[in-house]
Every structure is written in C-alpha cells, then in structure tokens.
Amino acid sequence: MPMTFASRHVLEDHIAGFEATPNPHHLSIVRAPTVFSVLVHEGHQADIDEALRNLEDVSVRSVGPNEWLLVSEEVSGDALARQLSDLGSTRVSFVEQSDGRVVLRISGPRVRSILQKCVALDLHADVFEIGQSANALFCHVAANLARTGEDRFEIVVMRSFAGSVFEEVCEMGREFAMTAGFGQ
C-alpha cells in the first residue's frame, strides 16, 4: 500500500490565533508560489534581462549582478522551467526554489514604518520605487524585499527561517493592529 503525505505549509502552525478578516495592515502568506533563481552567463545580460521581463505573470527581481529571482502564483514550476530552457543553456542557468522559499506579502498605509523596524533599507517611495527589489538582512535573516505596489511589499525568505521572520514581522506590526493569514 503506497504512503501518502499531506502537504503542510511551513507556517501552518504559526498562523493559528490570527484573525481571518484582514485589517488595513495585513501580512499575507502565499501558499504555493513558484520561485526560481536565474543566473546569466557572461555576455548575455541585456538580452536575458529583456526576455525575463517579458515573461507573463512572473515577477522579476534583481538580486545581484547577472542574477534574478522569479516569483509567480500563476505560472507552474514546470511551465516556467520550460520557458527558461527555451532561453538556451549557453545563455542562462536556473534552479527552482519553490519548496525552499516562502513568500510573505505585507500591506497597509504604514507598511514602511513596520518594515523599517526589520530592515536597514531606505524604503521612501522616491528611493525604493514600485518594482524595485533588494537582498538585505531582514529581521537578521537574508531575504529579498520587493515593493509591489504603493503600500505593498513582498518578502522572500528561506523556508527554514520563515517562522522566525513571520513572528518578528507580526511583533513589529502589533502597534498597527496588523493581521495575518494565508492569501486567497
């Protein structure tokens, strides 16, 4: 008889006790994102950058020279791997990291005040623009922070540190009555 395993999100136990109805300040856990790391081979930076930015339903985050993080809720890992393979193995290398990364979305009118307690980046709207991302220490853990809207950010963190980051962000958002839950 084959064994079956129930899939549980790493933050399933951390979310117990939080309100289901979001307040204006809310931390949302993306249940099953697709996440890829992409490295560009020397001499192909410009054309790969353009090709990645033309992918539909995929958020492209620069994480360093010739390196990107791709995040999507709509595109499956297999579909994105096929699209990246089509770019050519002599031009780009990639690895899926969906099982090893957790994506958190935080939003609200005072979201920058919450985030400033966790990260040493200038998050002013004129400096950290919509669509911009950066690797940084976030609550003492390496993470990628991206601004996805006027008062919205996403945090991509390694799975093994997700519980710690989740709890720290919840604590930092307590003065704003921040709620938390799984995204729809």
Protein backbone atom coordinates (compact mmCIF):
# COMPACT_ATOMS: atom_id res chain seq x y z
CA MET A 1 0.00 0.00 0.00
CA PRO A 2 1.57 3.33 -1.07
CA MET A 3 2.15 6.01 1.53
CA THR A 4 0.57 9.41 1.03
CA PHE A 5 1.68 12.57 2.72
CA ALA A 6 -0.42 15.62 3.40
CA SER A 7 1.29 18.79 2.27
CA ARG A 8 1.51 21.39 5.02
CA HIS A 9 2.87 24.88 4.69
CA VAL A 10 5.81 25.58 6.98
CA LEU A 11 3.84 28.45 8.61
CA GLU A 12 0.64 26.45 9.18
CA ASP A 13 1.20 26.25 12.94
CA HIS A 14 2.39 29.88 13.23
CA ILE A 15 -0.84 31.30 11.81
CA ALA A 16 -3.13 29.81 14.49
CA GLY A 17 -4.88 32.50 16.51
CA PHE A 18 -4.77 35.32 13.96
CA GLU A 19 -7.89 37.00 12.58
CA ALA A 20 -9.19 35.74 9.25
CA THR A 21 -10.52 39.15 8.17
CA PRO A 22 -7.63 41.44 7.18
CA ASN A 23 -7.18 44.84 8.81
CA PRO A 24 -5.70 47.73 6.79
CA HIS A 25 -2.25 46.44 7.84
CA HIS A 26 -2.01 42.80 6.84
CA LEU A 27 0.64 40.11 6.42
CA SER A 28 -0.41 37.51 3.86
CA ILE A 29 1.32 34.17 3.35
CA VAL A 30 1.43 32.94 -0.25
CA ARG A 31 0.51 29.28 0.00
CA ALA A 32 2.21 27.80 -3.11
CA PRO A 33 4.37 30.25 -5.07
CA THR A 34 6.71 29.32 -7.89
CA VAL A 35 10.23 30.63 -7.18
CA PHE A 36 13.31 30.32 -9.42
CA SER A 37 16.88 31.60 -9.15
CA VAL A 38 18.34 32.59 -12.51
CA LEU A 39 21.99 33.25 -13.37
CA VAL A 40 23.01 34.78 -16.71
CA HIS A 41 26.16 33.67 -18.48
CA GLU A 42 28.71 36.33 -19.42
CA GLY A 43 27.81 38.38 -22.48
CA HIS A 44 24.07 37.67 -22.42
CA GLN A 45 22.94 40.07 -19.68
CA ALA A 46 20.95 42.53 -21.82
CA ASP A 47 19.01 40.00 -23.91
CA ILE A 48 18.21 37.73 -20.94
CA ASP A 49 17.13 40.71 -18.81
CA GLU A 50 14.71 41.71 -21.56
CA ALA A 51 13.46 38.13 -22.05
CA LEU A 52 12.83 37.68 -18.33
CA ARG A 53 10.92 40.96 -18.09
CA ASN A 54 8.70 39.82 -20.98
CA LEU A 55 7.56 36.66 -19.15
CA GLU A 56 3.83 36.86 -18.41
CA ASP A 57 2.56 36.58 -14.82
CA VAL A 58 6.11 36.42 -13.41
CA SER A 59 7.67 39.00 -11.08
CA VAL A 60 11.36 39.52 -11.89
CA ARG A 61 13.58 40.70 -9.03
CA SER A 62 17.19 41.67 -9.45
CA VAL A 63 19.22 40.17 -6.61
CA GLY A 64 22.73 40.91 -7.81
CA PRO A 65 24.86 41.30 -10.93
CA ASN A 66 23.57 38.87 -13.56
CA GLU A 67 21.23 37.20 -11.04
CA TRP A 68 17.45 37.31 -10.74
CA LEU A 69 14.73 35.81 -8.60
CA LEU A 70 11.49 34.94 -10.42
CA VAL A 71 8.25 34.70 -8.42
CA SER A 72 4.79 33.70 -9.65
CA GLU A 73 1.49 32.41 -8.33
CA GLU A 74 0.01 31.85 -11.79
CA VAL A 75 2.81 30.02 -13.64
CA SER A 76 3.70 26.48 -12.54
CA GLY A 77 7.26 25.40 -11.89
CA ASP A 78 7.24 23.07 -14.91
CA ALA A 79 5.92 25.78 -17.24
CA LEU A 80 8.46 28.33 -16.03
CA ALA A 81 11.29 25.78 -16.35
CA ARG A 82 10.26 25.19 -19.99
CA GLN A 83 10.24 28.93 -20.67
CA LEU A 84 13.69 29.33 -19.11
CA SER A 85 15.02 26.32 -21.03
CA ASP A 86 13.89 27.98 -24.24
CA LEU A 87 16.32 30.83 -23.48
CA GLY A 88 19.22 28.43 -24.04
CA SER A 89 21.58 26.61 -21.68
CA THR A 90 24.57 28.53 -23.04
CA ARG A 91 22.96 31.82 -22.02
CA VAL A 92 21.28 31.12 -18.68
CA SER A 93 21.31 28.70 -15.73
CA PHE A 94 18.38 28.31 -13.35
CA VAL A 95 17.14 26.29 -10.42
CA GLU A 96 13.66 26.02 -8.95
CA GLN A 97 13.50 27.02 -5.29
CA SER A 98 9.74 26.87 -4.69
CA ASP A 99 9.99 24.26 -1.93
CA GLY A 100 12.83 26.09 -0.21
CA ARG A 101 11.40 29.63 -0.15
CA VAL A 102 8.43 31.31 1.50
CA VAL A 103 6.75 34.43 0.12
CA LEU A 104 5.12 36.90 2.52
CA ARG A 105 3.10 39.93 1.40
CA ILE A 106 2.73 42.90 3.69
CA SER A 107 0.49 45.88 3.02
CA GLY A 108 -1.06 48.87 4.70
CA PRO A 109 -0.86 52.65 4.91
CA ARG A 110 2.02 52.49 7.46
CA VAL A 111 3.77 49.45 5.98
CA ARG A 112 7.09 51.31 5.71
CA SER A 113 7.01 52.04 9.46
CA ILE A 114 6.62 48.32 10.13
CA LEU A 115 9.32 47.30 7.68
CA GLN A 116 11.82 49.91 8.91
CA LYS A 117 11.90 48.03 12.22
CA CYS A 118 13.09 44.93 10.35
CA VAL A 119 15.38 46.06 7.55
CA ALA A 120 18.11 48.68 7.09
CA LEU A 121 16.98 49.97 3.68
CA ASP A 122 15.63 53.38 2.72
CA LEU A 123 12.04 52.49 1.81
CA HIS A 124 10.91 56.04 0.99
CA ALA A 125 8.67 55.99 -2.10
CA ASP A 126 11.09 58.23 -4.03
CA VAL A 127 14.04 55.91 -3.32
CA PHE A 128 12.57 52.38 -3.25
CA GLU A 129 10.23 52.52 -6.24
CA ILE A 130 7.44 50.13 -7.22
CA GLY A 131 9.03 47.14 -8.94
CA GLN A 132 12.36 47.57 -7.16
CA SER A 133 13.83 44.79 -5.05
CA ALA A 134 16.89 44.24 -2.91
CA ASN A 135 18.58 41.48 -0.99
CA ALA A 136 19.06 42.51 2.62
CA LEU A 137 19.13 41.28 6.17
CA PHE A 138 15.50 41.18 7.25
CA CYS A 139 14.99 40.50 10.96
CA HIS A 140 18.59 39.21 10.99
CA VAL A 141 17.87 36.78 8.12
CA ALA A 142 18.92 37.03 4.47
CA ALA A 143 15.83 37.83 2.39
CA ASN A 144 14.68 39.54 -0.78
CA LEU A 145 12.37 42.53 -0.32
CA ALA A 146 10.37 43.86 -3.27
CA ARG A 147 7.99 46.80 -3.50
CA THR A 148 4.97 45.54 -5.43
CA GLY A 149 2.56 48.46 -5.04
CA GLU A 150 2.03 51.85 -3.43
CA ASP A 151 1.78 50.40 0.08
CA ARG A 152 2.64 46.74 -0.66
CA PHE A 153 5.84 44.72 -0.33
CA GLU A 154 6.84 41.07 -0.69
CA ILE A 155 9.44 39.28 1.38
CA VAL A 156 11.05 36.09 0.02
CA VAL A 157 12.87 34.16 2.71
CA MET A 158 14.35 30.70 3.04
CA ARG A 159 11.86 28.15 4.36
CA SER A 160 13.94 27.29 7.43
CA PHE A 161 13.83 30.92 8.63
CA ALA A 162 10.20 31.68 7.66
CA GLY A 163 8.78 31.09 11.15
CA SER A 164 11.25 33.46 12.77
CA VAL A 165 10.67 36.19 10.17
CA PHE A 166 6.88 35.73 10.38
CA GLU A 167 6.88 36.11 14.16
CA GLU A 168 9.20 39.15 14.08
CA VAL A 169 7.11 40.94 11.45
CA CYS A 170 3.93 40.22 13.41
CA GLU A 171 5.54 41.68 16.51
CA MET A 172 6.67 44.80 14.60
CA GLY A 173 3.15 45.28 13.22
CA ARG A 174 1.38 44.88 16.52
CA GLU A 175 1.17 48.64 17.20
CA PHE A 176 -0.78 48.97 13.92
CA ALA A 177 -3.12 46.04 14.77
CA MET A 178 -1.67 44.10 11.85
CA THR A 179 -3.48 40.87 10.99
CA ALA A 180 -2.01 37.82 9.28
CA GLY A 181 -3.32 34.91 7.26
CA PHE A 182 -2.90 32.79 4.19
CA GLY A 183 -3.57 34.60 0.91
CA GLN A 184 -6.59 33.73 -1.15
